[in-house]
Amino acid sequence: MMAAIDGQWDCTARTPMGDQRMVLSVSSEGPVFTGSVAGDLGTIDIAGSVDGDSLAWKMEIRSPIPLTLDCSATVTGDSLEGSVTAGMFGSFPMTGTRKG
């Protein structure tokens, strides 16, 4: 049985550089998940932790500057809500909906 978090999500992070749109793909197995984030900057493979309907992962980006993003999200039905923390740049809200 697929977990509620599994699947593809159309996400938007509201950043100072404008809205960053991406597709989050999640495949969970117990307390961990693997997947990817695909957006304007290409596709990044990710892996992270699962706690019920909540996800947490880190993403390494190279552009516009090299940075590690700390991401977290909670799934409720076909909606996702979370945040992206970009080190000294602070934390930005992220929302998403399940791709149908």
C-alpha atoms as a PDB file:
ATOM      1  CA  MET A   1       0.000   0.000   0.000  1.00  0.00           C
ATOM      2  CA  MET A   2       1.309   3.436  -0.908  1.00  0.00           C
ATOM      3  CA  ALA A   3       1.776   5.926   1.888  1.00  0.00           C
ATOM      4  CA  ALA A   4      -0.210   9.166   1.736  1.00  0.00           C
ATOM      5  CA  ILE A   5       3.011  11.031   0.963  1.00  0.00           C
ATOM      6  CA  ASP A   6       3.987   8.923  -2.060  1.00  0.00           C
ATOM      7  CA  GLY A   7       3.614  10.316  -5.553  1.00  0.00           C
ATOM      8  CA  GLN A   8       4.343  13.512  -7.424  1.00  0.00           C
ATOM      9  CA  TRP A   9       3.617  16.974  -6.077  1.00  0.00           C
ATOM     10  CA  ASP A  10       3.443  20.330  -7.876  1.00  0.00           C
ATOM     11  CA  CYS A  11       5.143  22.634  -5.371  1.00  0.00           C
ATOM     12  CA  THR A  12       5.874  26.331  -5.082  1.00  0.00           C
ATOM     13  CA  ALA A  13       8.359  27.897  -2.670  1.00  0.00           C
ATOM     14  CA  ARG A  14       7.883  31.626  -2.090  1.00  0.00           C
ATOM     15  CA  THR A  15      11.421  33.061  -2.051  1.00  0.00           C
ATOM     16  CA  PRO A  16      12.891  36.570  -2.218  1.00  0.00           C
ATOM     17  CA  MET A  17      13.852  35.712  -5.836  1.00  0.00           C
ATOM     18  CA  GLY A  18      10.217  35.060  -6.668  1.00  0.00           C
ATOM     19  CA  ASP A  19       8.135  31.907  -6.706  1.00  0.00           C
ATOM     20  CA  GLN A  20      10.231  28.791  -7.378  1.00  0.00           C
ATOM     21  CA  ARG A  21       8.116  26.048  -8.931  1.00  0.00           C
ATOM     22  CA  MET A  22       9.186  22.415  -8.756  1.00  0.00           C
ATOM     23  CA  VAL A  23       7.887  18.873  -8.973  1.00  0.00           C
ATOM     24  CA  LEU A  24       8.613  16.799  -5.875  1.00  0.00           C
ATOM     25  CA  SER A  25       8.610  13.016  -6.400  1.00  0.00           C
ATOM     26  CA  VAL A  26       8.392  10.814  -3.292  1.00  0.00           C
ATOM     27  CA  SER A  27       8.673   7.051  -2.837  1.00  0.00           C
ATOM     28  CA  SER A  28       8.661   6.036   0.818  1.00  0.00           C
ATOM     29  CA  GLU A  29       9.701   2.827   2.506  1.00  0.00           C
ATOM     30  CA  GLY A  30       9.080   2.835   6.243  1.00  0.00           C
ATOM     31  CA  PRO A  31      10.902   5.724   7.967  1.00  0.00           C
ATOM     32  CA  VAL A  32      12.795   6.855   4.829  1.00  0.00           C
ATOM     33  CA  PHE A  33      12.039   8.055   1.325  1.00  0.00           C
ATOM     34  CA  THR A  34      13.853   8.634  -1.937  1.00  0.00           C
ATOM     35  CA  GLY A  35      12.840  10.823  -4.807  1.00  0.00           C
ATOM     36  CA  SER A  36      13.712  13.949  -6.723  1.00  0.00           C
ATOM     37  CA  VAL A  37      12.971  17.625  -7.109  1.00  0.00           C
ATOM     38  CA  ALA A  38      12.709  18.880 -10.692  1.00  0.00           C
ATOM     39  CA  GLY A  39      12.554  22.572 -11.507  1.00  0.00           C
ATOM     40  CA  ASP A  40      14.138  25.422 -13.428  1.00  0.00           C
ATOM     41  CA  LEU A  41      17.582  24.502 -12.092  1.00  0.00           C
ATOM     42  CA  GLY A  42      17.357  20.887 -13.232  1.00  0.00           C
ATOM     43  CA  THR A  43      16.650  17.713 -11.295  1.00  0.00           C
ATOM     44  CA  ILE A  44      18.150  16.920  -7.887  1.00  0.00           C
ATOM     45  CA  ASP A  45      17.952  13.430  -6.363  1.00  0.00           C
ATOM     46  CA  ILE A  46      16.889  13.541  -2.723  1.00  0.00           C
ATOM     47  CA  ALA A  47      16.543  11.190   0.223  1.00  0.00           C
ATOM     48  CA  GLY A  48      15.064  11.921   3.595  1.00  0.00           C
ATOM     49  CA  SER A  49      13.028  10.832   6.565  1.00  0.00           C
ATOM     50  CA  VAL A  50       9.336  10.094   6.957  1.00  0.00           C
ATOM     51  CA  ASP A  51       7.341  10.514  10.170  1.00  0.00           C
ATOM     52  CA  GLY A  52       3.682   9.725   9.555  1.00  0.00           C
ATOM     53  CA  ASP A  53       2.509  12.333   7.031  1.00  0.00           C
ATOM     54  CA  SER A  54       5.646  14.471   7.416  1.00  0.00           C
ATOM     55  CA  LEU A  55       8.813  14.543   5.306  1.00  0.00           C
ATOM     56  CA  ALA A  56      12.231  16.086   5.907  1.00  0.00           C
ATOM     57  CA  TRP A  57      15.153  16.278   3.489  1.00  0.00           C
ATOM     58  CA  LYS A  58      18.199  18.295   2.468  1.00  0.00           C
ATOM     59  CA  MET A  59      18.927  19.548  -1.050  1.00  0.00           C
ATOM     60  CA  GLU A  60      22.252  20.743  -2.406  1.00  0.00           C
ATOM     61  CA  ILE A  61      21.864  23.489  -4.988  1.00  0.00           C
ATOM     62  CA  ARG A  62      24.607  25.038  -7.130  1.00  0.00           C
ATOM     63  CA  SER A  63      22.757  28.035  -8.559  1.00  0.00           C
ATOM     64  CA  PRO A  64      22.438  30.935  -8.006  1.00  0.00           C
ATOM     65  CA  ILE A  65      24.966  30.097  -5.243  1.00  0.00           C
ATOM     66  CA  PRO A  66      26.061  26.783  -3.689  1.00  0.00           C
ATOM     67  CA  LEU A  67      23.775  26.192  -0.722  1.00  0.00           C
ATOM     68  CA  THR A  68      22.245  23.380   1.324  1.00  0.00           C
ATOM     69  CA  LEU A  69      18.485  23.735   1.689  1.00  0.00           C
ATOM     70  CA  ASP A  70      16.707  22.132   4.653  1.00  0.00           C
ATOM     71  CA  CYS A  71      13.194  21.175   3.572  1.00  0.00           C
ATOM     72  CA  SER A  72      10.199  19.848   5.449  1.00  0.00           C
ATOM     73  CA  ALA A  73       6.598  19.231   4.487  1.00  0.00           C
ATOM     74  CA  THR A  74       3.417  17.724   5.868  1.00  0.00           C
ATOM     75  CA  VAL A  75       0.837  16.058   3.652  1.00  0.00           C
ATOM     76  CA  THR A  76      -2.895  16.423   4.312  1.00  0.00           C
ATOM     77  CA  GLY A  77      -4.950  14.591   1.694  1.00  0.00           C
ATOM     78  CA  ASP A  78      -3.931  16.022  -1.682  1.00  0.00           C
ATOM     79  CA  SER A  79      -2.214  19.107  -0.220  1.00  0.00           C
ATOM     80  CA  LEU A  80       1.320  19.634   0.998  1.00  0.00           C
ATOM     81  CA  GLU A  81       2.547  22.434   3.234  1.00  0.00           C
ATOM     82  CA  GLY A  82       6.047  23.051   4.467  1.00  0.00           C
ATOM     83  CA  SER A  83       9.127  25.207   4.396  1.00  0.00           C
ATOM     84  CA  VAL A  84      12.508  25.565   2.764  1.00  0.00           C
ATOM     85  CA  THR A  85      15.290  26.930   4.976  1.00  0.00           C
ATOM     86  CA  ALA A  86      18.204  28.457   3.088  1.00  0.00           C
ATOM     87  CA  GLY A  87      20.851  29.018   5.744  1.00  0.00           C
ATOM     88  CA  MET A  88      21.457  32.699   6.457  1.00  0.00           C
ATOM     89  CA  PHE A  89      18.743  33.657   3.948  1.00  0.00           C
ATOM     90  CA  GLY A  90      16.013  32.406   6.262  1.00  0.00           C
ATOM     91  CA  SER A  91      12.999  30.172   5.791  1.00  0.00           C
ATOM     92  CA  PHE A  92      10.395  30.334   3.021  1.00  0.00           C
ATOM     93  CA  PRO A  93       6.935  28.772   2.844  1.00  0.00           C
ATOM     94  CA  MET A  94       6.311  25.918   0.405  1.00  0.00           C
ATOM     95  CA  THR A  95       2.939  24.637  -0.729  1.00  0.00           C
ATOM     96  CA  GLY A  96       1.977  21.864  -3.108  1.00  0.00           C
ATOM     97  CA  THR A  97      -0.800  19.801  -4.586  1.00  0.00           C
ATOM     98  CA  ARG A  98      -0.780  16.177  -5.681  1.00  0.00           C
ATOM     99  CA  LYS A  99      -0.354  15.673  -9.421  1.00  0.00           C
ATOM    100  CA  GLY A 100      -3.369  13.801 -10.556  1.00  0.00           C
END
